[in-house]
C-alpha atoms as a PDB file:
ATOM      1  CA  MET A   1      35.604  28.275  39.019  1.00  0.00           C
ATOM      2  CA  ALA A   2      38.770  29.737  37.561  1.00  0.00           C
ATOM      3  CA  GLU A   3      41.130  29.744  40.514  1.00  0.00           C
ATOM      4  CA  THR A   4      43.731  32.487  40.480  1.00  0.00           C
ATOM      5  CA  ASN A   5      45.539  33.628  43.574  1.00  0.00           C
ATOM      6  CA  ARG A   6      47.252  36.861  44.526  1.00  0.00           C
ATOM      7  CA  GLY A   7      49.261  37.580  47.634  1.00  0.00           C
ATOM      8  CA  PHE A   8      50.861  40.480  49.479  1.00  0.00           C
ATOM      9  CA  PHE A   9      54.490  40.370  50.587  1.00  0.00           C
ATOM     10  CA  ILE A  10      56.066  42.454  53.358  1.00  0.00           C
ATOM     11  CA  HIS A  11      59.660  43.542  53.661  1.00  0.00           C
ATOM     12  CA  LEU A  12      61.395  46.283  55.585  1.00  0.00           C
ATOM     13  CA  GLN A  13      63.215  49.167  53.937  1.00  0.00           C
ATOM     14  CA  ASP A  14      65.020  51.533  56.305  1.00  0.00           C
ATOM     15  CA  LYS A  15      63.033  49.775  59.061  1.00  0.00           C
ATOM     16  CA  LYS A  16      59.702  50.773  57.469  1.00  0.00           C
ATOM     17  CA  ALA A  17      57.245  48.216  56.134  1.00  0.00           C
ATOM     18  CA  VAL A  18      56.946  48.022  52.363  1.00  0.00           C
ATOM     19  CA  VAL A  19      54.207  45.916  50.729  1.00  0.00           C
ATOM     20  CA  THR A  20      54.138  44.429  47.232  1.00  0.00           C
ATOM     21  CA  GLU A  21      51.432  42.377  45.500  1.00  0.00           C
ATOM     22  CA  GLN A  22      51.864  39.629  42.934  1.00  0.00           C
ATOM     23  CA  GLU A  23      50.194  36.579  41.484  1.00  0.00           C
ATOM     24  CA  ILE A  24      51.087  33.410  43.371  1.00  0.00           C
ATOM     25  CA  PRO A  25      50.286  29.702  42.928  1.00  0.00           C
ATOM     26  CA  MET A  26      47.148  28.250  44.449  1.00  0.00           C
ATOM     27  CA  PRO A  27      48.028  26.686  47.804  1.00  0.00           C
ATOM     28  CA  VAL A  28      48.464  22.929  48.009  1.00  0.00           C
ATOM     29  CA  VAL A  29      45.515  21.197  49.679  1.00  0.00           C
ATOM     30  CA  GLY A  30      46.710  18.144  51.569  1.00  0.00           C
ATOM     31  CA  PRO A  31      44.479  15.293  52.755  1.00  0.00           C
ATOM     32  CA  ASP A  32      43.994  16.963  56.160  1.00  0.00           C
ATOM     33  CA  ASP A  33      43.620  20.525  54.860  1.00  0.00           C
ATOM     34  CA  VAL A  34      40.832  22.996  54.158  1.00  0.00           C
ATOM     35  CA  LEU A  35      41.115  25.483  51.272  1.00  0.00           C
ATOM     36  CA  VAL A  36      39.478  28.808  52.122  1.00  0.00           C
ATOM     37  CA  ALA A  37      38.638  31.902  50.074  1.00  0.00           C
ATOM     38  CA  VAL A  38      39.689  34.709  52.417  1.00  0.00           C
ATOM     39  CA  SER A  39      37.134  37.416  53.261  1.00  0.00           C
ATOM     40  CA  GLY A  40      38.643  39.007  56.387  1.00  0.00           C
ATOM     41  CA  ALA A  41      42.180  39.405  57.734  1.00  0.00           C
ATOM     42  CA  SER A  42      44.098  41.392  60.334  1.00  0.00           C
ATOM     43  CA  VAL A  43      47.616  42.657  60.993  1.00  0.00           C
ATOM     44  CA  ASN A  44      49.732  41.626  63.976  1.00  0.00           C
ATOM     45  CA  PRO A  45      53.209  42.571  65.224  1.00  0.00           C
ATOM     46  CA  VAL A  46      54.409  39.067  64.288  1.00  0.00           C
ATOM     47  CA  ASP A  47      53.967  40.016  60.614  1.00  0.00           C
ATOM     48  CA  LEU A  48      56.611  42.706  61.059  1.00  0.00           C
ATOM     49  CA  LYS A  49      58.850  40.488  63.155  1.00  0.00           C
ATOM     50  CA  ARG A  50      58.907  37.774  60.513  1.00  0.00           C
ATOM     51  CA  ALA A  51      59.471  40.298  57.742  1.00  0.00           C
ATOM     52  CA  ALA A  52      62.440  41.697  59.676  1.00  0.00           C
ATOM     53  CA  SER A  53      63.901  38.189  59.848  1.00  0.00           C
ATOM     54  CA  GLY A  54      63.818  37.954  56.052  1.00  0.00           C
ATOM     55  CA  ASP A  55      60.811  35.636  55.818  1.00  0.00           C
ATOM     56  CA  GLN A  56      59.686  35.662  52.167  1.00  0.00           C
ATOM     57  CA  GLN A  57      56.245  34.079  52.451  1.00  0.00           C
ATOM     58  CA  VAL A  58      52.792  35.670  52.466  1.00  0.00           C
ATOM     59  CA  MET A  59      52.074  36.822  56.037  1.00  0.00           C
ATOM     60  CA  GLY A  60      48.795  37.082  57.919  1.00  0.00           C
ATOM     61  CA  PHE A  61      47.749  35.103  61.001  1.00  0.00           C
ATOM     62  CA  ASP A  62      44.011  35.847  61.225  1.00  0.00           C
ATOM     63  CA  THR A  63      41.627  34.483  58.610  1.00  0.00           C
ATOM     64  CA  VAL A  64      37.883  34.562  58.043  1.00  0.00           C
ATOM     65  CA  GLY A  65      36.543  33.062  54.834  1.00  0.00           C
ATOM     66  CA  ARG A  66      34.456  30.414  53.113  1.00  0.00           C
ATOM     67  CA  VAL A  67      35.438  26.819  52.448  1.00  0.00           C
ATOM     68  CA  VAL A  68      36.261  26.114  48.805  1.00  0.00           C
ATOM     69  CA  ARG A  69      37.151  22.434  49.174  1.00  0.00           C
ATOM     70  CA  THR A  70      38.515  19.973  51.696  1.00  0.00           C
ATOM     71  CA  GLY A  71      41.148  17.253  51.723  1.00  0.00           C
ATOM     72  CA  ALA A  72      40.281  13.569  51.527  1.00  0.00           C
ATOM     73  CA  ASN A  73      40.572  12.992  55.300  1.00  0.00           C
ATOM     74  CA  VAL A  74      38.525  16.039  56.362  1.00  0.00           C
ATOM     75  CA  SER A  75      34.972  15.777  57.634  1.00  0.00           C
ATOM     76  CA  GLY A  76      32.660  18.317  59.244  1.00  0.00           C
ATOM     77  CA  PHE A  77      33.228  21.111  56.714  1.00  0.00           C
ATOM     78  CA  SER A  78      31.461  21.767  53.417  1.00  0.00           C
ATOM     79  CA  ALA A  79      31.934  24.108  50.456  1.00  0.00           C
ATOM     80  CA  GLY A  80      30.554  27.585  51.160  1.00  0.00           C
ATOM     81  CA  GLN A  81      30.719  27.236  54.951  1.00  0.00           C
ATOM     82  CA  LYS A  82      31.997  30.332  56.750  1.00  0.00           C
ATOM     83  CA  VAL A  83      34.986  29.587  58.990  1.00  0.00           C
ATOM     84  CA  PHE A  84      37.819  31.316  60.818  1.00  0.00           C
ATOM     85  CA  PHE A  85      41.209  30.367  62.224  1.00  0.00           C
ATOM     86  CA  ALA A  86      44.720  31.480  63.131  1.00  0.00           C
ATOM     87  CA  GLY A  87      47.128  30.080  60.579  1.00  0.00           C
ATOM     88  CA  GLU A  88      50.328  28.092  60.650  1.00  0.00           C
ATOM     89  CA  GLY A  89      53.671  29.850  60.803  1.00  0.00           C
ATOM     90  CA  GLN A  90      55.249  27.590  58.194  1.00  0.00           C
ATOM     91  CA  ARG A  91      52.548  28.120  55.547  1.00  0.00           C
ATOM     92  CA  GLN A  92      51.155  30.947  53.430  1.00  0.00           C
ATOM     93  CA  GLY A  93      49.019  33.336  55.451  1.00  0.00           C
ATOM     94  CA  SER A  94      45.831  35.357  55.089  1.00  0.00           C
ATOM     95  CA  PHE A  95      47.195  38.246  53.000  1.00  0.00           C
ATOM     96  CA  ALA A  96      46.172  36.299  49.910  1.00  0.00           C
ATOM     97  CA  ARG A  97      42.940  35.498  48.075  1.00  0.00           C
ATOM     98  CA  TYR A  98      43.126  31.793  48.968  1.00  0.00           C
ATOM     99  CA  GLN A  99      44.690  30.018  51.926  1.00  0.00           C
ATOM    100  CA  SER A 100      45.118  26.346  52.821  1.00  0.00           C
ATOM    101  CA  VAL A 101      45.374  25.256  56.462  1.00  0.00           C
ATOM    102  CA  THR A 102      45.136  22.097  58.542  1.00  0.00           C
ATOM    103  CA  SER A 103      41.527  21.408  59.459  1.00  0.00           C
ATOM    104  CA  LYS A 104      42.535  21.007  63.125  1.00  0.00           C
ATOM    105  CA  LEU A 105      42.693  24.806  63.399  1.00  0.00           C
ATOM    106  CA  VAL A 106      39.451  25.615  61.596  1.00  0.00           C
ATOM    107  CA  VAL A 107      36.197  26.539  63.366  1.00  0.00           C
ATOM    108  CA  ALA A 108      32.776  27.510  62.028  1.00  0.00           C
ATOM    109  CA  THR A 109      32.124  31.183  62.702  1.00  0.00           C
ATOM    110  CA  PRO A 110      29.517  32.290  65.246  1.00  0.00           C
ATOM    111  CA  ARG A 111      26.448  33.771  63.594  1.00  0.00           C
ATOM    112  CA  GLY A 112      25.769  37.464  63.287  1.00  0.00           C
ATOM    113  CA  PHE A 113      29.325  38.792  63.015  1.00  0.00           C
ATOM    114  CA  GLU A 114      30.930  40.331  59.937  1.00  0.00           C
ATOM    115  CA  SER A 115      34.172  38.861  58.648  1.00  0.00           C
ATOM    116  CA  THR A 116      36.168  41.962  59.478  1.00  0.00           C
ATOM    117  CA  PHE A 117      35.073  41.876  63.128  1.00  0.00           C
ATOM    118  CA  LEU A 118      35.772  38.160  63.483  1.00  0.00           C
ATOM    119  CA  ALA A 119      39.246  38.692  62.010  1.00  0.00           C
ATOM    120  CA  SER A 120      40.174  40.524  65.215  1.00  0.00           C
ATOM    121  CA  LEU A 121      39.938  37.365  67.302  1.00  0.00           C
ATOM    122  CA  PRO A 122      41.942  34.252  66.298  1.00  0.00           C
ATOM    123  CA  LEU A 123      45.620  35.072  66.940  1.00  0.00           C
ATOM    124  CA  THR A 124      45.119  37.401  69.880  1.00  0.00           C
ATOM    125  CA  GLY A 125      42.375  35.263  71.414  1.00  0.00           C
ATOM    126  CA  ILE A 126      44.383  32.057  71.261  1.00  0.00           C
ATOM    127  CA  THR A 127      47.494  33.862  72.514  1.00  0.00           C
ATOM    128  CA  ALA A 128      45.602  35.343  75.461  1.00  0.00           C
ATOM    129  CA  TRP A 129      43.911  32.023  76.288  1.00  0.00           C
ATOM    130  CA  GLU A 130      47.182  30.075  76.226  1.00  0.00           C
ATOM    131  CA  LEU A 131      48.971  32.686  78.327  1.00  0.00           C
ATOM    132  CA  LEU A 132      46.262  32.916  80.975  1.00  0.00           C
ATOM    133  CA  PHE A 133      45.043  29.351  81.215  1.00  0.00           C
ATOM    134  CA  GLU A 134      47.914  27.170  80.001  1.00  0.00           C
ATOM    135  CA  LYS A 135      51.001  29.124  81.066  1.00  0.00           C
ATOM    136  CA  MET A 136      49.902  31.207  84.059  1.00  0.00           C
ATOM    137  CA  GLY A 137      47.698  28.505  85.542  1.00  0.00           C
ATOM    138  CA  TYR A 138      44.357  30.275  85.866  1.00  0.00           C
ATOM    139  CA  THR A 139      41.189  28.195  85.530  1.00  0.00           C
ATOM    140  CA  ALA A 140      39.329  28.617  82.231  1.00  0.00           C
ATOM    141  CA  SER A 141      35.803  28.814  83.580  1.00  0.00           C
ATOM    142  CA  ALA A 142      33.363  31.612  84.341  1.00  0.00           C
ATOM    143  CA  GLY A 143      34.111  33.182  87.733  1.00  0.00           C
ATOM    144  CA  ALA A 144      36.593  30.446  88.662  1.00  0.00           C
ATOM    145  CA  ASN A 145      39.429  32.796  89.712  1.00  0.00           C
ATOM    146  CA  HIS A 146      37.421  35.080  91.987  1.00  0.00           C
ATOM    147  CA  GLY A 147      39.565  36.760  94.646  1.00  0.00           C
ATOM    148  CA  GLN A 148      42.737  36.900  92.555  1.00  0.00           C
ATOM    149  CA  VAL A 149      44.201  39.946  90.812  1.00  0.00           C
ATOM    150  CA  LEU A 150      45.843  40.141  87.380  1.00  0.00           C
ATOM    151  CA  LEU A 151      48.028  43.087  86.319  1.00  0.00           C
ATOM    152  CA  VAL A 152      48.254  43.625  82.551  1.00  0.00           C
ATOM    153  CA  ILE A 153      50.964  45.813  81.054  1.00  0.00           C
ATOM    154  CA  ASN A 154      49.643  47.302  77.769  1.00  0.00           C
ATOM    155  CA  GLY A 155      45.985  46.461  78.199  1.00  0.00           C
ATOM    156  CA  ALA A 156      44.774  48.425  75.155  1.00  0.00           C
ATOM    157  CA  GLY A 157      46.782  46.548  72.528  1.00  0.00           C
ATOM    158  CA  GLY A 158      45.630  43.665  70.386  1.00  0.00           C
ATOM    159  CA  VAL A 159      46.294  40.841  72.833  1.00  0.00           C
ATOM    160  CA  GLY A 160      45.551  43.001  75.864  1.00  0.00           C
ATOM    161  CA  SER A 161      42.075  43.940  74.638  1.00  0.00           C
ATOM    162  CA  ILE A 162      40.927  40.310  74.567  1.00  0.00           C
ATOM    163  CA  LEU A 163      43.056  39.063  77.464  1.00  0.00           C
ATOM    164  CA  THR A 164      41.406  41.526  79.862  1.00  0.00           C
ATOM    165  CA  GLN A 165      37.975  40.296  78.739  1.00  0.00           C
ATOM    166  CA  LEU A 166      38.904  36.656  79.288  1.00  0.00           C
ATOM    167  CA  ALA A 167      40.443  37.485  82.656  1.00  0.00           C
ATOM    168  CA  LYS A 168      37.293  39.283  83.768  1.00  0.00           C
ATOM    169  CA  TRP A 169      35.077  36.417  82.529  1.00  0.00           C
ATOM    170  CA  SER A 170      37.173  33.970  84.558  1.00  0.00           C
ATOM    171  CA  GLY A 171      36.627  35.939  87.765  1.00  0.00           C
ATOM    172  CA  LEU A 172      39.864  37.881  88.085  1.00  0.00           C
ATOM    173  CA  THR A 173      40.061  41.463  89.267  1.00  0.00           C
ATOM    174  CA  VAL A 174      41.805  43.133  86.331  1.00  0.00           C
ATOM    175  CA  VAL A 175      44.257  46.024  86.580  1.00  0.00           C
ATOM    176  CA  ALA A 176      45.741  47.261  83.301  1.00  0.00           C
ATOM    177  CA  THR A 177      47.987  50.016  81.998  1.00  0.00           C
ATOM    178  CA  ALA A 178      47.407  52.316  79.039  1.00  0.00           C
ATOM    179  CA  SER A 179      47.497  55.970  78.077  1.00  0.00           C
ATOM    180  CA  PRO A 180      44.677  57.879  79.851  1.00  0.00           C
ATOM    181  CA  LYS A 181      43.022  58.543  76.476  1.00  0.00           C
ATOM    182  CA  ASN A 182      42.407  54.780  76.250  1.00  0.00           C
ATOM    183  CA  PHE A 183      40.958  54.275  79.745  1.00  0.00           C
ATOM    184  CA  ASP A 184      37.406  54.041  78.401  1.00  0.00           C
ATOM    185  CA  TRP A 185      38.553  51.266  76.056  1.00  0.00           C
ATOM    186  CA  LEU A 186      40.049  49.395  79.004  1.00  0.00           C
ATOM    187  CA  THR A 187      36.819  49.685  80.990  1.00  0.00           C
ATOM    188  CA  ALA A 188      34.777  48.446  78.024  1.00  0.00           C
ATOM    189  CA  ASN A 189      37.003  45.382  77.855  1.00  0.00           C
ATOM    190  CA  GLY A 190      36.735  44.216  81.454  1.00  0.00           C
ATOM    191  CA  VAL A 191      39.346  46.277  83.284  1.00  0.00           C
ATOM    192  CA  ASP A 192      38.450  47.179  86.875  1.00  0.00           C
ATOM    193  CA  HIS A 193      41.313  49.608  87.531  1.00  0.00           C
ATOM    194  CA  ALA A 194      43.197  51.555  84.826  1.00  0.00           C
ATOM    195  CA  LEU A 195      46.726  52.830  85.448  1.00  0.00           C
ATOM    196  CA  ASP A 196      48.585  55.467  83.445  1.00  0.00           C
ATOM    197  CA  TYR A 197      51.681  53.744  82.082  1.00  0.00           C
ATOM    198  CA  HIS A 198      53.612  57.008  82.398  1.00  0.00           C
ATOM    199  CA  GLN A 199      53.398  56.786  86.205  1.00  0.00           C
ATOM    200  CA  ASP A 200      55.546  54.794  88.586  1.00  0.00           C
ATOM    201  CA  LEU A 201      53.570  51.571  88.341  1.00  0.00           C
ATOM    202  CA  THR A 202      54.669  50.085  91.644  1.00  0.00           C
ATOM    203  CA  THR A 203      53.439  53.138  93.536  1.00  0.00           C
ATOM    204  CA  ALA A 204      50.280  53.436  91.437  1.00  0.00           C
ATOM    205  CA  TYR A 205      49.377  49.782  91.976  1.00  0.00           C
ATOM    206  CA  GLN A 206      50.007  49.928  95.708  1.00  0.00           C
ATOM    207  CA  ALA A 207      47.703  52.965  95.940  1.00  0.00           C
ATOM    208  CA  LEU A 208      44.810  50.734  94.843  1.00  0.00           C
ATOM    209  CA  ASN A 209      45.043  48.789  98.129  1.00  0.00           C
ATOM    210  CA  LEU A 210      44.566  45.472  96.358  1.00  0.00           C
ATOM    211  CA  ALA A 211      46.180  42.153  97.136  1.00  0.00           C
ATOM    212  CA  ALA A 212      49.406  41.395  95.298  1.00  0.00           C
ATOM    213  CA  PRO A 213      48.649  40.208  91.759  1.00  0.00           C
ATOM    214  CA  THR A 214      48.929  36.460  91.326  1.00  0.00           C
ATOM    215  CA  GLY A 215      49.818  37.187  87.710  1.00  0.00           C
ATOM    216  CA  VAL A 216      51.511  39.960  85.760  1.00  0.00           C
ATOM    217  CA  ALA A 217      51.048  39.801  81.960  1.00  0.00           C
ATOM    218  CA  ILE A 218      53.653  41.913  80.165  1.00  0.00           C
ATOM    219  CA  LEU A 219      52.304  42.514  76.661  1.00  0.00           C
ATOM    220  CA  TYR A 220      54.973  45.019  75.726  1.00  0.00           C
ATOM    221  CA  GLN A 221      58.773  44.916  75.701  1.00  0.00           C
ATOM    222  CA  PRO A 222      59.436  43.051  78.976  1.00  0.00           C
ATOM    223  CA  VAL A 223      62.894  44.369  79.868  1.00  0.00           C
ATOM    224  CA  PRO A 224      61.721  47.734  81.345  1.00  0.00           C
ATOM    225  CA  TYR A 225      58.947  46.018  83.311  1.00  0.00           C
ATOM    226  CA  ALA A 226      60.768  42.987  84.738  1.00  0.00           C
ATOM    227  CA  GLN A 227      61.641  44.690  88.029  1.00  0.00           C
ATOM    228  CA  VAL A 228      58.128  46.132  88.462  1.00  0.00           C
ATOM    229  CA  ALA A 229      56.655  42.685  87.885  1.00  0.00           C
ATOM    230  CA  ALA A 230      59.040  41.097  90.370  1.00  0.00           C
ATOM    231  CA  ASP A 231      58.269  43.760  92.985  1.00  0.00           C
ATOM    232  CA  LEU A 232      54.501  43.383  92.671  1.00  0.00           C
ATOM    233  CA  VAL A 233      53.793  39.733  91.861  1.00  0.00           C
ATOM    234  CA  ALA A 234      52.532  37.570  94.715  1.00  0.00           C
ATOM    235  CA  TYR A 235      54.545  34.729  96.170  1.00  0.00           C
ATOM    236  CA  PHE A 236      54.199  31.649  93.938  1.00  0.00           C
ATOM    237  CA  GLY A 237      52.706  33.827  91.209  1.00  0.00           C
ATOM    238  CA  HIS A 238      53.380  34.020  87.472  1.00  0.00           C
ATOM    239  CA  VAL A 239      54.885  36.683  85.239  1.00  0.00           C
ATOM    240  CA  GLY A 240      54.112  36.112  81.547  1.00  0.00           C
ATOM    241  CA  SER A 241      55.167  37.806  78.327  1.00  0.00           C
ATOM    242  CA  ILE A 242      54.463  37.510  74.604  1.00  0.00           C
ATOM    243  CA  VAL A 243      57.320  39.762  73.437  1.00  0.00           C
ATOM    244  CA  GLU A 244      60.937  38.762  72.814  1.00  0.00           C
ATOM    245  CA  PRO A 245      63.210  40.700  75.200  1.00  0.00           C
ATOM    246  CA  SER A 246      65.347  43.418  73.656  1.00  0.00           C
ATOM    247  CA  GLY A 247      68.232  42.508  75.956  1.00  0.00           C
ATOM    248  CA  PRO A 248      69.081  40.546  79.105  1.00  0.00           C
ATOM    249  CA  LEU A 249      65.979  39.899  81.201  1.00  0.00           C
ATOM    250  CA  ALA A 250      66.580  40.085  84.954  1.00  0.00           C
ATOM    251  CA  LEU A 251      64.651  37.163  86.465  1.00  0.00           C
ATOM    252  CA  ALA A 252      66.665  36.630  89.649  1.00  0.00           C
ATOM    253  CA  PRO A 253      64.277  38.797  91.755  1.00  0.00           C
ATOM    254  CA  LEU A 254      61.531  36.216  91.148  1.00  0.00           C
ATOM    255  CA  LYS A 255      63.519  33.461  92.848  1.00  0.00           C
ATOM    256  CA  ASN A 256      62.820  34.297  96.485  1.00  0.00           C
ATOM    257  CA  LYS A 257      59.100  34.540  95.727  1.00  0.00           C
ATOM    258  CA  SER A 258      59.201  31.139  94.041  1.00  0.00           C
ATOM    259  CA  ALA A 259      57.469  32.889  91.149  1.00  0.00           C
ATOM    260  CA  SER A 260      57.548  31.663  87.563  1.00  0.00           C
ATOM    261  CA  PHE A 261      58.243  33.400  84.254  1.00  0.00           C
ATOM    262  CA  ASP A 262      56.284  32.197  81.224  1.00  0.00           C
ATOM    263  CA  PHE A 263      56.726  32.975  77.530  1.00  0.00           C
ATOM    264  CA  GLU A 264      53.803  32.524  75.138  1.00  0.00           C
ATOM    265  CA  TYR A 265      54.133  32.208  71.360  1.00  0.00           C
ATOM    266  CA  MET A 266      51.040  31.061  69.510  1.00  0.00           C
ATOM    267  CA  SER A 267      52.916  29.508  66.582  1.00  0.00           C
ATOM    268  CA  ALA A 268      55.002  27.221  68.796  1.00  0.00           C
ATOM    269  CA  LYS A 269      52.428  24.414  68.670  1.00  0.00           C
ATOM    270  CA  THR A 270      52.139  24.379  64.880  1.00  0.00           C
ATOM    271  CA  ASP A 271      55.894  24.921  64.399  1.00  0.00           C
ATOM    272  CA  ALA A 272      56.606  21.883  66.591  1.00  0.00           C
ATOM    273  CA  GLY A 273      53.586  19.834  65.524  1.00  0.00           C
ATOM    274  CA  VAL A 274      52.585  19.488  69.183  1.00  0.00           C
ATOM    275  CA  ASN A 275      48.967  19.605  70.431  1.00  0.00           C
ATOM    276  CA  VAL A 276      47.878  21.470  67.300  1.00  0.00           C
ATOM    277  CA  ALA A 277      44.211  20.538  67.685  1.00  0.00           C
ATOM    278  CA  SER A 278      44.094  22.366  71.029  1.00  0.00           C
ATOM    279  CA  GLN A 279      44.141  25.676  69.155  1.00  0.00           C
ATOM    280  CA  GLY A 280      41.030  24.755  67.214  1.00  0.00           C
ATOM    281  CA  ALA A 281      39.413  23.771  70.522  1.00  0.00           C
ATOM    282  CA  ILE A 282      40.409  27.117  72.083  1.00  0.00           C
ATOM    283  CA  LEU A 283      39.005  29.045  69.126  1.00  0.00           C
ATOM    284  CA  GLN A 284      35.749  27.109  69.422  1.00  0.00           C
ATOM    285  CA  GLN A 285      35.487  28.153  73.073  1.00  0.00           C
ATOM    286  CA  LEU A 286      36.188  31.750  72.066  1.00  0.00           C
ATOM    287  CA  ALA A 287      33.487  31.524  69.388  1.00  0.00           C
ATOM    288  CA  ASP A 288      31.023  30.243  71.996  1.00  0.00           C
ATOM    289  CA  LEU A 289      31.899  33.094  74.368  1.00  0.00           C
ATOM    290  CA  LEU A 290      31.507  35.584  71.524  1.00  0.00           C
ATOM    291  CA  GLN A 291      28.125  34.158  70.579  1.00  0.00           C
ATOM    292  CA  SER A 292      26.924  34.304  74.196  1.00  0.00           C
ATOM    293  CA  GLY A 293      28.078  37.912  74.635  1.00  0.00           C
ATOM    294  CA  ALA A 294      30.669  37.077  77.292  1.00  0.00           C
ATOM    295  CA  ILE A 295      33.380  38.627  75.116  1.00  0.00           C
ATOM    296  CA  ARG A 296      33.292  40.989  72.158  1.00  0.00           C
ATOM    297  CA  PRO A 297      35.419  41.582  69.038  1.00  0.00           C
ATOM    298  CA  THR A 298      38.275  44.048  69.406  1.00  0.00           C
ATOM    299  CA  ALA A 299      38.435  45.582  65.918  1.00  0.00           C
ATOM    300  CA  THR A 300      38.803  49.352  66.196  1.00  0.00           C
ATOM    301  CA  ARG A 301      39.398  50.135  62.532  1.00  0.00           C
ATOM    302  CA  THR A 302      38.389  48.225  59.429  1.00  0.00           C
ATOM    303  CA  PHE A 303      39.890  48.902  56.010  1.00  0.00           C
ATOM    304  CA  PRO A 304      37.236  48.284  53.323  1.00  0.00           C
ATOM    305  CA  VAL A 305      39.690  46.573  50.993  1.00  0.00           C
ATOM    306  CA  LEU A 306      43.109  44.924  51.267  1.00  0.00           C
ATOM    307  CA  THR A 307      45.562  46.707  48.978  1.00  0.00           C
ATOM    308  CA  THR A 308      49.257  47.499  49.099  1.00  0.00           C
ATOM    309  CA  GLU A 309      48.311  50.978  50.339  1.00  0.00           C
ATOM    310  CA  THR A 310      45.934  49.904  53.120  1.00  0.00           C
ATOM    311  CA  LEU A 311      48.161  47.073  54.327  1.00  0.00           C
ATOM    312  CA  THR A 312      51.126  49.457  54.397  1.00  0.00           C
ATOM    313  CA  GLU A 313      49.095  51.957  56.431  1.00  0.00           C
ATOM    314  CA  GLY A 314      48.053  49.295  58.908  1.00  0.00           C
ATOM    315  CA  LEU A 315      51.599  48.042  59.351  1.00  0.00           C
ATOM    316  CA  HIS A 316      52.943  51.575  59.794  1.00  0.00           C
ATOM    317  CA  THR A 317      50.337  52.138  62.516  1.00  0.00           C
ATOM    318  CA  LEU A 318      51.641  49.056  64.323  1.00  0.00           C
ATOM    319  CA  GLN A 319      55.232  50.206  63.903  1.00  0.00           C
ATOM    320  CA  ALA A 320      54.388  53.588  65.404  1.00  0.00           C
ATOM    321  CA  GLY A 321      52.902  51.907  68.485  1.00  0.00           C
ATOM    322  CA  HIS A 322      49.583  53.718  68.023  1.00  0.00           C
ATOM    323  CA  ALA A 323      47.264  50.751  67.500  1.00  0.00           C
ATOM    324  CA  VAL A 324      44.416  50.209  69.964  1.00  0.00           C
ATOM    325  CA  GLY A 325      42.661  46.871  69.647  1.00  0.00           C
ATOM    326  CA  LYS A 326      42.951  45.313  66.178  1.00  0.00           C
ATOM    327  CA  LEU A 327      43.148  46.660  62.615  1.00  0.00           C
ATOM    328  CA  THR A 328      41.234  44.466  60.177  1.00  0.00           C
ATOM    329  CA  PHE A 329      40.754  44.246  56.399  1.00  0.00           C
ATOM    330  CA  HIS A 330      38.055  43.142  54.023  1.00  0.00           C
ATOM    331  CA  VAL A 331      39.528  40.740  51.469  1.00  0.00           C
ATOM    332  CA  GLY A 332      37.827  39.620  48.247  1.00  0.00           C
ATOM    333  CA  ASN A 333      34.080  39.674  47.706  1.00  0.00           C
ATOM    334  CA  LEU A 334      32.788  37.302  50.377  1.00  0.00           C
ATOM    335  CA  GLN A 335      31.030  38.330  53.583  1.00  0.00           C
END
């Protein structure tokens, strides 16, 4: 096989995403790595964040593809096997024809799902799992958190769309915010009570006559929602966020409730080289839940080919704040 690789690069011009394509070297395959021919990918806000920081590498943190070859220390994977994973922040991403990644992150795909649908899951699924079950302390088992309430700010976004499903599977009563036009999407993804984010959320939540939420997941800019979260969260509860604050974050109101604030960043484990294999284990559990029908993919739009034009359109949709669920791309010729 003649191996040639091409990659897409993102930079910001006047705060708008600009995409270029060029030939790049084949990725290095270390003894613990798997080389994959990419067939499905997805965009995430972190792609834009890293581009804004001046990061020059190929982005992309969701990959579906087929194994090309494995490193000397790798077992359990074979050439042609279909796999998926969320990548490593310090290495070339999925907006390329070929990608190399540590085998600890790689999982065989569940059967019966197209690459572009599976590409909606890795980054957001792992992020949601870590936030709910590692940071906020809920039990990762079917029905285990019955009787508790979770409030999700921005339930229709990429992470929100899978987090609400996992919360519902684990037994939580799920309340989530979105625009009313997306209420049906919330319901389809496990939400019991939908709230219009334009309303006063404290009043709207209290009108539901539910117990105080033991967790509040802020999946949008946390600064405007810090006081709402502090007002509503139960004593000894958790407030979690996946978004870097735009300014000072007022956490003092949580003190007298002995409540905790938790940040989640999926790339922290691979950046630090800490507990990396846990993310492969999480993705395997997500694959099992997907196969059983307990959760579903969250792709709402699939671009039939990855080009500079389609990737630019997807990134501009994210920048405009109009994305519901995940935007995915078909890459290469593999299914």
